[in-house]
PDB file of N, CA and C in Angstrom:
ATOM      1  N   MET A   1      -9.434  19.648 -24.479  1.00  0.00           N
ATOM      2  CA  MET A   1      -8.564  18.511 -24.709  1.00  0.00           C
ATOM      3  C   MET A   1      -7.165  18.778 -24.148  1.00  0.00           C
ATOM      4  N   ARG A   2      -6.799  20.054 -24.103  1.00  0.00           N
ATOM      5  CA  ARG A   2      -5.476  20.415 -23.640  1.00  0.00           C
ATOM      6  C   ARG A   2      -5.281  20.122 -22.164  1.00  0.00           C
ATOM      7  N   PHE A   3      -6.350  20.158 -21.403  1.00  0.00           N
ATOM      8  CA  PHE A   3      -6.262  19.922 -19.960  1.00  0.00           C
ATOM      9  C   PHE A   3      -6.644  18.503 -19.568  1.00  0.00           C
ATOM     10  N   LEU A   4      -7.082  17.711 -20.505  1.00  0.00           N
ATOM     11  CA  LEU A   4      -7.538  16.358 -20.212  1.00  0.00           C
ATOM     12  C   LEU A   4      -6.387  15.443 -19.777  1.00  0.00           C
ATOM     13  N   LEU A   5      -5.299  15.419 -20.503  1.00  0.00           N
ATOM     14  CA  LEU A   5      -4.182  14.540 -20.162  1.00  0.00           C
ATOM     15  C   LEU A   5      -3.486  14.945 -18.863  1.00  0.00           C
ATOM     16  N   PRO A   6      -3.198  16.223 -18.643  1.00  0.00           N
ATOM     17  CA  PRO A   6      -2.609  16.582 -17.346  1.00  0.00           C
ATOM     18  C   PRO A   6      -3.544  16.292 -16.164  1.00  0.00           C
ATOM     19  N   SER A   7      -4.821  16.501 -16.348  1.00  0.00           N
ATOM     20  CA  SER A   7      -5.787  16.203 -15.285  1.00  0.00           C
ATOM     21  C   SER A   7      -5.833  14.711 -14.998  1.00  0.00           C
ATOM     22  N   ALA A   8      -5.825  13.913 -16.049  1.00  0.00           N
ATOM     23  CA  ALA A   8      -5.828  12.457 -15.867  1.00  0.00           C
ATOM     24  C   ALA A   8      -4.544  12.004 -15.179  1.00  0.00           C
ATOM     25  N   GLY A   9      -3.420  12.608 -15.518  1.00  0.00           N
ATOM     26  CA  GLY A   9      -2.158  12.271 -14.876  1.00  0.00           C
ATOM     27  C   GLY A   9      -2.153  12.597 -13.393  1.00  0.00           C
ATOM     28  N   ILE A  10      -2.736  13.725 -13.033  1.00  0.00           N
ATOM     29  CA  ILE A  10      -2.827  14.105 -11.620  1.00  0.00           C
ATOM     30  C   ILE A  10      -3.725  13.144 -10.861  1.00  0.00           C
ATOM     31  N   ILE A  11      -4.837  12.774 -11.446  1.00  0.00           N
ATOM     32  CA  ILE A  11      -5.762  11.844 -10.792  1.00  0.00           C
ATOM     33  C   ILE A  11      -5.104  10.477 -10.603  1.00  0.00           C
ATOM     34  N   VAL A  12      -4.418   9.980 -11.616  1.00  0.00           N
ATOM     35  CA  VAL A  12      -3.731   8.689 -11.519  1.00  0.00           C
ATOM     36  C   VAL A  12      -2.625   8.760 -10.468  1.00  0.00           C
ATOM     37  N   GLY A  13      -1.917   9.873 -10.413  1.00  0.00           N
ATOM     38  CA  GLY A  13      -0.879  10.045  -9.398  1.00  0.00           C
ATOM     39  C   GLY A  13      -1.433  10.013  -7.989  1.00  0.00           C
ATOM     40  N   ILE A  14      -2.552  10.664  -7.777  1.00  0.00           N
ATOM     41  CA  ILE A  14      -3.184  10.662  -6.447  1.00  0.00           C
ATOM     42  C   ILE A  14      -3.635   9.257  -6.074  1.00  0.00           C
ATOM     43  N   ILE A  15      -4.195   8.535  -7.028  1.00  0.00           N
ATOM     44  CA  ILE A  15      -4.633   7.167  -6.762  1.00  0.00           C
ATOM     45  C   ILE A  15      -3.454   6.296  -6.361  1.00  0.00           C
ATOM     46  N   HIS A  16      -2.304   6.490  -7.001  1.00  0.00           N
ATOM     47  CA  HIS A  16      -1.132   5.685  -6.677  1.00  0.00           C
ATOM     48  C   HIS A  16      -0.453   6.131  -5.386  1.00  0.00           C
ATOM     49  N   LEU A  17      -0.714   7.332  -4.917  1.00  0.00           N
ATOM     50  CA  LEU A  17      -0.127   7.790  -3.661  1.00  0.00           C
ATOM     51  C   LEU A  17      -0.902   7.290  -2.440  1.00  0.00           C
ATOM     52  N   LEU A  18      -2.142   6.894  -2.606  1.00  0.00           N
ATOM     53  CA  LEU A  18      -2.960   6.455  -1.474  1.00  0.00           C
ATOM     54  C   LEU A  18      -2.372   5.251  -0.737  1.00  0.00           C
ATOM     55  N   PRO A  19      -1.871   4.218  -1.409  1.00  0.00           N
ATOM     56  CA  PRO A  19      -1.300   3.086  -0.669  1.00  0.00           C
ATOM     57  C   PRO A  19       0.015   3.406   0.049  1.00  0.00           C
ATOM     58  N   LEU A  20       0.588   4.570  -0.183  1.00  0.00           N
ATOM     59  CA  LEU A  20       1.853   4.939   0.452  1.00  0.00           C
ATOM     60  C   LEU A  20       1.731   4.961   1.973  1.00  0.00           C
ATOM     61  N   ALA A  21       0.542   5.138   2.485  1.00  0.00           N
ATOM     62  CA  ALA A  21       0.341   5.130   3.942  1.00  0.00           C
ATOM     63  C   ALA A  21       0.632   3.751   4.537  1.00  0.00           C
ATOM     64  N   GLY A  22       0.662   2.717   3.735  1.00  0.00           N
ATOM     65  CA  GLY A  22       0.960   1.371   4.212  1.00  0.00           C
ATOM     66  C   GLY A  22       2.385   1.196   4.687  1.00  0.00           C
ATOM     67  N   VAL A  23       3.250   2.144   4.399  1.00  0.00           N
ATOM     68  CA  VAL A  23       4.634   2.080   4.852  1.00  0.00           C
ATOM     69  C   VAL A  23       4.702   2.211   6.376  1.00  0.00           C
ATOM     70  N   LEU A  24       3.705   2.806   6.975  1.00  0.00           N
ATOM     71  CA  LEU A  24       3.708   3.071   8.416  1.00  0.00           C
ATOM     72  C   LEU A  24       3.579   1.831   9.276  1.00  0.00           C
ATOM     73  N   GLY A  25       3.158   0.708   8.719  1.00  0.00           N
ATOM     74  CA  GLY A  25       3.114  -0.524   9.498  1.00  0.00           C
ATOM     75  C   GLY A  25       1.957  -1.426   9.142  1.00  0.00           C
ATOM     76  N   ALA A  26       1.915  -2.559   9.861  1.00  0.00           N
ATOM     77  CA  ALA A  26       0.915  -3.589   9.582  1.00  0.00           C
ATOM     78  C   ALA A  26      -0.497  -3.121   9.924  1.00  0.00           C
ATOM     79  N   ASP A  27      -0.638  -2.304  10.955  1.00  0.00           N
ATOM     80  CA  ASP A  27      -1.974  -1.814  11.313  1.00  0.00           C
ATOM     81  C   ASP A  27      -2.549  -0.932  10.204  1.00  0.00           C
ATOM     82  N   ARG A  28      -1.719  -0.099   9.649  1.00  0.00           N
ATOM     83  CA  ARG A  28      -2.178   0.774   8.561  1.00  0.00           C
ATOM     84  C   ARG A  28      -2.480  -0.040   7.300  1.00  0.00           C
ATOM     85  N   LEU A  29      -1.675  -1.049   7.027  1.00  0.00           N
ATOM     86  CA  LEU A  29      -1.950  -1.927   5.886  1.00  0.00           C
ATOM     87  C   LEU A  29      -3.281  -2.644   6.067  1.00  0.00           C
ATOM     88  N   ALA A  30      -3.537  -3.102   7.287  1.00  0.00           N
ATOM     89  CA  ALA A  30      -4.798  -3.798   7.554  1.00  0.00           C
ATOM     90  C   ALA A  30      -5.983  -2.876   7.341  1.00  0.00           C
ATOM     91  N   SER A  31      -5.857  -1.618   7.722  1.00  0.00           N
ATOM     92  CA  SER A  31      -6.973  -0.695   7.518  1.00  0.00           C
ATOM     93  C   SER A  31      -7.153  -0.339   6.045  1.00  0.00           C
ATOM     94  N   LEU A  32      -6.067  -0.326   5.288  1.00  0.00           N
ATOM     95  CA  LEU A  32      -6.168  -0.013   3.857  1.00  0.00           C
ATOM     96  C   LEU A  32      -6.785  -1.150   3.049  1.00  0.00           C
ATOM     97  N   TYR A  33      -6.360  -2.379   3.341  1.00  0.00           N
ATOM     98  CA  TYR A  33      -6.762  -3.517   2.524  1.00  0.00           C
ATOM     99  C   TYR A  33      -7.854  -4.370   3.154  1.00  0.00           C
ATOM    100  N   GLY A  34      -8.126  -4.185   4.441  1.00  0.00           N
ATOM    101  CA  GLY A  34      -9.161  -4.964   5.102  1.00  0.00           C
ATOM    102  C   GLY A  34      -8.758  -6.398   5.384  1.00  0.00           C
ATOM    103  N   ILE A  35      -7.462  -6.664   5.391  1.00  0.00           N
ATOM    104  CA  ILE A  35      -6.927  -8.003   5.645  1.00  0.00           C
ATOM    105  C   ILE A  35      -5.909  -7.891   6.771  1.00  0.00           C
ATOM    106  N   ALA A  36      -5.939  -8.833   7.698  1.00  0.00           N
ATOM    107  CA  ALA A  36      -4.970  -8.821   8.792  1.00  0.00           C
ATOM    108  C   ALA A  36      -3.631  -9.371   8.296  1.00  0.00           C
ATOM    109  N   PHE A  37      -2.586  -8.602   8.472  1.00  0.00           N
ATOM    110  CA  PHE A  37      -1.237  -9.024   8.111  1.00  0.00           C
ATOM    111  C   PHE A  37      -0.510  -9.376   9.395  1.00  0.00           C
ATOM    112  N   ASP A  38      -0.595 -10.635   9.784  1.00  0.00           N
ATOM    113  CA  ASP A  38      -0.033 -11.087  11.050  1.00  0.00           C
ATOM    114  C   ASP A  38       1.431 -11.503  10.937  1.00  0.00           C
ATOM    115  N   GLU A  39       1.802 -12.057   9.811  1.00  0.00           N
ATOM    116  CA  GLU A  39       3.151 -12.588   9.655  1.00  0.00           C
ATOM    117  C   GLU A  39       4.077 -11.543   9.021  1.00  0.00           C
ATOM    118  N   PRO A  40       5.306 -11.457   9.507  1.00  0.00           N
ATOM    119  CA  PRO A  40       6.265 -10.526   8.908  1.00  0.00           C
ATOM    120  C   PRO A  40       6.578 -10.846   7.446  1.00  0.00           C
ATOM    121  N   LYS A  41       6.385 -12.114   7.066  1.00  0.00           N
ATOM    122  CA  LYS A  41       6.653 -12.503   5.677  1.00  0.00           C
ATOM    123  C   LYS A  41       5.674 -11.860   4.702  1.00  0.00           C
ATOM    124  N   THR A  42       4.516 -11.470   5.168  1.00  0.00           N
ATOM    125  CA  THR A  42       3.558 -10.800   4.293  1.00  0.00           C
ATOM    126  C   THR A  42       3.607  -9.290   4.448  1.00  0.00           C
ATOM    127  N   VAL A  43       4.033  -8.806   5.600  1.00  0.00           N
ATOM    128  CA  VAL A  43       4.076  -7.363   5.832  1.00  0.00           C
ATOM    129  C   VAL A  43       5.179  -6.717   4.999  1.00  0.00           C
ATOM    130  N   ILE A  44       6.332  -7.332   4.935  1.00  0.00           N
ATOM    131  CA  ILE A  44       7.468  -6.742   4.218  1.00  0.00           C
ATOM    132  C   ILE A  44       7.170  -6.554   2.718  1.00  0.00           C
ATOM    133  N   PRO A  45       6.648  -7.559   2.014  1.00  0.00           N
ATOM    134  CA  PRO A  45       6.328  -7.314   0.593  1.00  0.00           C
ATOM    135  C   PRO A  45       5.217  -6.279   0.393  1.00  0.00           C
ATOM    136  N   MET A  46       4.261  -6.233   1.306  1.00  0.00           N
ATOM    137  CA  MET A  46       3.196  -5.246   1.168  1.00  0.00           C
ATOM    138  C   MET A  46       3.715  -3.830   1.418  1.00  0.00           C
ATOM    139  N   ARG A  47       4.641  -3.676   2.342  1.00  0.00           N
ATOM    140  CA  ARG A  47       5.249  -2.355   2.562  1.00  0.00           C
ATOM    141  C   ARG A  47       6.103  -1.961   1.364  1.00  0.00           C
ATOM    142  N   HIS A  48       6.788  -2.932   0.778  1.00  0.00           N
ATOM    143  CA  HIS A  48       7.574  -2.681  -0.436  1.00  0.00           C
ATOM    144  C   HIS A  48       6.655  -2.250  -1.573  1.00  0.00           C
ATOM    145  N   ARG A  49       5.519  -2.899  -1.675  1.00  0.00           N
ATOM    146  CA  ARG A  49       4.527  -2.546  -2.694  1.00  0.00           C
ATOM    147  C   ARG A  49       4.036  -1.119  -2.491  1.00  0.00           C
ATOM    148  N   ALA A  50       3.835  -0.738  -1.221  1.00  0.00           N
ATOM    149  CA  ALA A  50       3.387   0.619  -0.920  1.00  0.00           C
ATOM    150  C   ALA A  50       4.437   1.646  -1.339  1.00  0.00           C
ATOM    151  N   VAL A  51       5.700   1.332  -1.100  1.00  0.00           N
ATOM    152  CA  VAL A  51       6.778   2.245  -1.505  1.00  0.00           C
ATOM    153  C   VAL A  51       6.823   2.376  -3.026  1.00  0.00           C
ATOM    154  N   LEU A  52       6.694   1.259  -3.733  1.00  0.00           N
ATOM    155  CA  LEU A  52       6.729   1.312  -5.193  1.00  0.00           C
ATOM    156  C   LEU A  52       5.542   2.096  -5.766  1.00  0.00           C
ATOM    157  N   PHE A  53       4.370   1.913  -5.177  1.00  0.00           N
ATOM    158  CA  PHE A  53       3.225   2.709  -5.624  1.00  0.00           C
ATOM    159  C   PHE A  53       3.446   4.190  -5.343  1.00  0.00           C
ATOM    160  N   GLY A  54       4.066   4.498  -4.200  1.00  0.00           N
ATOM    161  CA  GLY A  54       4.368   5.895  -3.891  1.00  0.00           C
ATOM    162  C   GLY A  54       5.337   6.499  -4.889  1.00  0.00           C
ATOM    163  N   LEU A  55       6.356   5.741  -5.281  1.00  0.00           N
ATOM    164  CA  LEU A  55       7.302   6.233  -6.274  1.00  0.00           C
ATOM    165  C   LEU A  55       6.615   6.432  -7.632  1.00  0.00           C
ATOM    166  N   LEU A  56       5.755   5.509  -7.992  1.00  0.00           N
ATOM    167  CA  LEU A  56       5.031   5.616  -9.248  1.00  0.00           C
ATOM    168  C   LEU A  56       4.102   6.834  -9.226  1.00  0.00           C
ATOM    169  N   GLY A  57       3.441   7.042  -8.105  1.00  0.00           N
ATOM    170  CA  GLY A  57       2.556   8.206  -7.994  1.00  0.00           C
ATOM    171  C   GLY A  57       3.318   9.511  -7.995  1.00  0.00           C
ATOM    172  N   ASP A  58       4.518   9.500  -7.436  1.00  0.00           N
ATOM    173  CA  ASP A  58       5.348  10.702  -7.411  1.00  0.00           C
ATOM    174  C   ASP A  58       5.868  11.047  -8.806  1.00  0.00           C
ATOM    175  N   PHE A  59       6.122  10.016  -9.588  1.00  0.00           N
ATOM    176  CA  PHE A  59       6.618  10.228 -10.940  1.00  0.00           C
ATOM    177  C   PHE A  59       5.568  10.926 -11.778  1.00  0.00           C
TER     178      PHE A  59
END
């Protein structure tokens, strides 16, 4: 039981770090989500989302 919570925290952190690769651009976002992000109006919020998930995973 002593190792269960730290292990779960590490796993959750890794899961939240995976979308961080979306910061690299629209092509990387498209490969992560399987959706074409053609308009800049959709790319910017998705990159922001990737940064926030990265910060959450880092925490």
